[in-house]
Amino acid sequence: MSLSRKRKKELHKLQKQAENLWETQQVLVGEAATVAREAGRQLGHYGRERVAPQVQAGYEKYAAPYVEKGVKVGRQVVGDTLIPAAGAVVGSALSVWDAANDTRSRFASGHGLSMPDTKKYAKKADKYSRDASRFLSSKLDRVAPQKKGMSAGGVIAIILGVAAAVGVLYAAWQTLRADDELWVADDPLRAPDA
């Protein structure tokens, strides 16, 4: 199928217009990419100069005190409670290990079992219990100081409880009051007895 000369000219002209449009679009896309890169760079500068200081100030004002307090409490719990408790457990385990080794060595030497000195062990048990109770009472006094007075949460709870009780009493009064106008007659055709 052959095209006429006029159609060929029109197609050639259209092809040149499409090529020109393509070239201008490529230039436009290149310029848009340059603008986008510059906008990203400016946004980075803005974030570093304006947003980051405000976020840092907000963190230091609102979150940092609670984070520091949490770290302090965590260190206190680990240092004052967990490590002494773990030390007591390890110490008890080592004393049991030593007692087992001592018994094993007596059996190996041929002495066997002997009756323990009950007075000596009773005295040691009394001493250990006194020391443990002193230690634990001192730790508990430091960990949980006694509060004085009622806190805001207690006051709010009392107010809410009183308000709920008043609401229940009002609802009961509204339900049980003798108001003839509020009662619906059983027979709609019959007039109420008044």
Protein backbone atom coordinates (compact mmCIF):
# COMPACT_ATOMS: atom_id res chain seq x y z
CA MET A 1 0.00 0.00 0.00
CA SER A 2 1.57 3.26 -1.06
CA LEU A 3 0.89 6.64 0.45
CA SER A 4 0.33 9.77 -1.45
CA ARG A 5 2.94 12.50 -1.42
CA LYS A 6 0.65 14.74 0.62
CA ARG A 7 0.14 12.04 3.28
CA LYS A 8 3.88 11.40 3.40
CA LYS A 9 4.52 15.11 3.97
CA GLU A 10 1.89 15.23 6.72
CA LEU A 11 3.33 12.12 8.39
CA HIS A 12 6.86 13.51 8.13
CA LYS A 13 5.67 16.83 9.61
CA LEU A 14 3.88 14.97 12.42
CA GLN A 15 7.00 12.89 13.08
CA LYS A 16 9.13 16.07 13.36
CA GLN A 17 6.59 17.60 15.77
CA ALA A 18 6.67 14.41 17.88
CA GLU A 19 10.49 14.51 17.93
CA ASN A 20 10.46 18.18 18.97
CA LEU A 21 7.92 17.42 21.67
CA TRP A 22 10.03 14.49 22.88
CA GLU A 23 13.16 16.68 23.04
CA THR A 24 11.36 19.43 24.96
CA GLN A 25 9.92 16.85 27.36
CA GLN A 26 13.41 15.44 27.95
CA VAL A 27 14.70 18.94 28.73
CA LEU A 28 11.72 19.56 30.98
CA VAL A 29 12.23 16.23 32.84
CA GLY A 30 15.92 17.08 33.29
CA GLU A 31 15.06 20.48 34.73
CA ALA A 32 12.41 18.89 36.99
CA ALA A 33 15.03 16.43 38.29
CA THR A 34 17.39 19.33 39.00
CA VAL A 35 14.61 21.16 40.87
CA ALA A 36 13.74 17.99 42.82
CA ARG A 37 17.40 17.48 43.82
CA GLU A 38 17.66 21.08 44.98
CA ALA A 39 14.36 20.79 46.88
CA GLY A 40 15.64 17.65 48.63
CA ARG A 41 18.86 19.42 49.55
CA GLN A 42 16.93 22.42 50.89
CA LEU A 43 14.60 20.11 52.81
CA GLY A 44 17.61 18.44 54.41
CA HIS A 45 18.99 21.84 55.43
CA TYR A 46 15.61 22.85 56.84
CA GLY A 47 15.34 19.60 58.79
CA ARG A 48 18.81 20.04 60.28
CA GLU A 49 18.39 23.75 61.03
CA ARG A 50 14.76 23.96 62.17
CA VAL A 51 13.10 20.60 62.82
CA ALA A 52 15.92 18.71 64.55
CA PRO A 53 16.54 21.42 67.21
CA GLN A 54 12.81 21.58 68.01
CA VAL A 55 12.59 17.78 68.27
CA GLN A 56 15.71 17.76 70.47
CA ALA A 57 14.26 20.51 72.69
CA GLY A 58 10.94 18.66 72.97
CA TYR A 59 12.73 15.43 73.87
CA GLU A 60 14.84 17.16 76.50
CA LYS A 61 11.79 18.93 77.94
CA TYR A 62 9.26 16.08 77.96
CA ALA A 63 10.86 12.67 77.51
CA ALA A 64 14.41 12.97 78.91
CA PRO A 65 13.38 13.36 82.58
CA TYR A 66 11.27 10.19 82.40
CA VAL A 67 13.97 8.27 80.55
CA GLU A 68 16.59 9.34 83.10
CA LYS A 69 14.25 8.44 85.96
CA GLY A 70 13.58 5.01 84.40
CA VAL A 71 17.31 4.36 83.99
CA LYS A 72 17.94 5.47 87.57
CA VAL A 73 15.19 3.20 88.94
CA GLY A 74 16.43 0.32 86.78
CA ARG A 75 19.97 0.72 88.11
CA GLN A 76 18.65 0.95 91.64
CA VAL A 77 16.56 -2.21 91.25
CA VAL A 78 19.46 -4.11 89.72
CA GLY A 79 22.04 -2.76 92.18
CA ASP A 80 20.01 -2.87 95.38
CA THR A 81 17.66 -5.79 94.82
CA LEU A 82 18.66 -8.12 92.03
CA ILE A 83 22.41 -8.38 92.66
CA PRO A 84 22.08 -9.00 96.43
CA ALA A 85 19.39 -11.61 95.79
CA ALA A 86 21.53 -13.31 93.15
CA GLY A 87 24.49 -13.17 95.54
CA ALA A 88 22.42 -14.84 98.24
CA VAL A 89 21.32 -17.59 95.84
CA VAL A 90 24.88 -18.17 94.62
CA GLY A 91 26.18 -18.14 98.19
CA SER A 92 23.59 -20.68 99.27
CA ALA A 93 24.41 -22.89 96.30
CA LEU A 94 28.13 -22.73 97.05
CA SER A 95 27.56 -23.58 100.72
CA VAL A 96 25.47 -26.60 99.67
CA TRP A 97 28.26 -27.57 97.26
CA ASP A 98 30.85 -27.27 100.05
CA ALA A 99 28.72 -29.36 102.39
CA ALA A 100 28.33 -32.01 99.70
CA ASN A 101 32.09 -32.03 99.07
CA ASP A 102 32.75 -32.32 102.81
CA THR A 103 30.34 -35.26 103.11
CA ARG A 104 31.90 -36.92 100.05
CA SER A 105 35.39 -36.53 101.51
CA ARG A 106 34.27 -38.02 104.86
CA PHE A 107 32.79 -40.99 103.05
CA ALA A 108 35.96 -41.39 101.02
CA SER A 109 38.15 -41.33 104.14
CA GLY A 110 35.97 -43.96 105.79
CA HIS A 111 34.46 -41.85 108.56
CA GLY A 112 30.92 -42.12 107.18
CA LEU A 113 28.01 -40.23 108.69
CA SER A 114 28.27 -38.70 112.11
CA MET A 115 25.61 -37.03 114.21
CA PRO A 116 25.71 -33.27 113.71
CA ASP A 117 26.18 -30.88 116.62
CA THR A 118 22.66 -29.48 116.93
CA LYS A 119 23.59 -26.65 119.30
CA LYS A 120 26.21 -25.33 116.90
CA TYR A 121 23.82 -25.39 113.95
CA ALA A 122 20.96 -23.86 115.97
CA LYS A 123 23.23 -21.00 116.99
CA LYS A 124 24.32 -20.46 113.37
CA ALA A 125 20.70 -20.58 112.16
CA ASP A 126 19.69 -17.95 114.74
CA LYS A 127 22.55 -15.71 113.67
CA TYR A 128 21.75 -16.08 109.96
CA SER A 129 18.04 -15.42 110.50
CA ARG A 130 18.78 -12.26 112.52
CA ASP A 131 21.19 -11.00 109.85
CA ALA A 132 18.78 -11.81 107.05
CA SER A 133 15.85 -10.08 108.76
CA ARG A 134 17.95 -6.96 109.43
CA PHE A 135 19.18 -6.92 105.84
CA LEU A 136 15.73 -7.40 104.33
CA SER A 137 14.05 -4.87 106.60
CA SER A 138 16.67 -2.26 105.72
CA LYS A 139 16.20 -2.97 101.99
CA LEU A 140 12.41 -2.87 102.22
CA ASP A 141 12.46 0.42 104.14
CA ARG A 142 14.60 1.99 101.42
CA VAL A 143 12.67 0.56 98.49
CA ALA A 144 9.11 1.32 99.64
CA PRO A 145 8.91 4.44 101.78
CA GLN A 146 5.63 4.95 103.59
CA LYS A 147 3.28 7.42 101.89
CA LYS A 148 1.63 10.12 103.92
CA GLY A 149 -1.89 11.21 103.14
CA MET A 150 -4.13 10.49 100.21
CA SER A 151 -2.97 10.98 96.64
CA ALA A 152 -4.85 12.73 93.85
CA GLY A 153 -5.84 9.35 92.40
CA GLY A 154 -7.53 8.36 95.67
CA VAL A 155 -9.46 11.63 95.81
CA ILE A 156 -10.60 11.23 92.20
CA ALA A 157 -11.67 7.63 92.88
CA ILE A 158 -13.73 8.71 95.89
CA ILE A 159 -15.41 11.50 93.90
CA LEU A 160 -16.24 9.12 91.04
CA GLY A 161 -17.60 6.54 93.51
CA VAL A 162 -19.84 9.12 95.19
CA ALA A 163 -21.06 10.37 91.80
CA ALA A 164 -21.88 6.81 90.71
CA ALA A 165 -23.75 6.14 93.94
CA VAL A 166 -25.76 9.37 93.55
CA GLY A 167 -26.58 8.39 89.95
CA VAL A 168 -27.80 4.95 91.02
CA LEU A 169 -29.92 6.43 93.82
CA TYR A 170 -31.45 9.00 91.45
CA ALA A 171 -32.27 6.32 88.89
CA ALA A 172 -33.89 4.18 91.59
CA TRP A 173 -35.91 7.15 92.87
CA GLN A 174 -37.12 7.99 89.35
CA THR A 175 -38.11 4.37 88.82
CA LEU A 176 -39.94 3.85 92.09
CA ARG A 177 -41.66 7.20 92.63
CA ALA A 178 -45.48 7.17 92.64
CA ASP A 179 -46.32 9.35 89.69
CA ASP A 180 -49.67 8.34 88.17
CA GLU A 181 -48.97 10.11 84.91
CA LEU A 182 -45.94 7.94 84.23
CA TRP A 183 -47.86 4.64 84.52
CA VAL A 184 -49.42 3.17 81.40
CA ALA A 185 -52.86 1.67 81.77
CA ASP A 186 -53.21 -2.05 81.13
CA ASP A 187 -56.36 -1.57 79.04
CA PRO A 188 -56.02 1.33 76.62
CA LEU A 189 -59.81 1.68 76.24
CA ARG A 190 -60.51 1.94 79.93
CA ALA A 191 -59.89 5.22 81.74
CA PRO A 192 -57.43 5.15 84.62
CA ASP A 193 -58.81 4.99 88.20
CA ALA A 194 -57.97 8.27 89.76
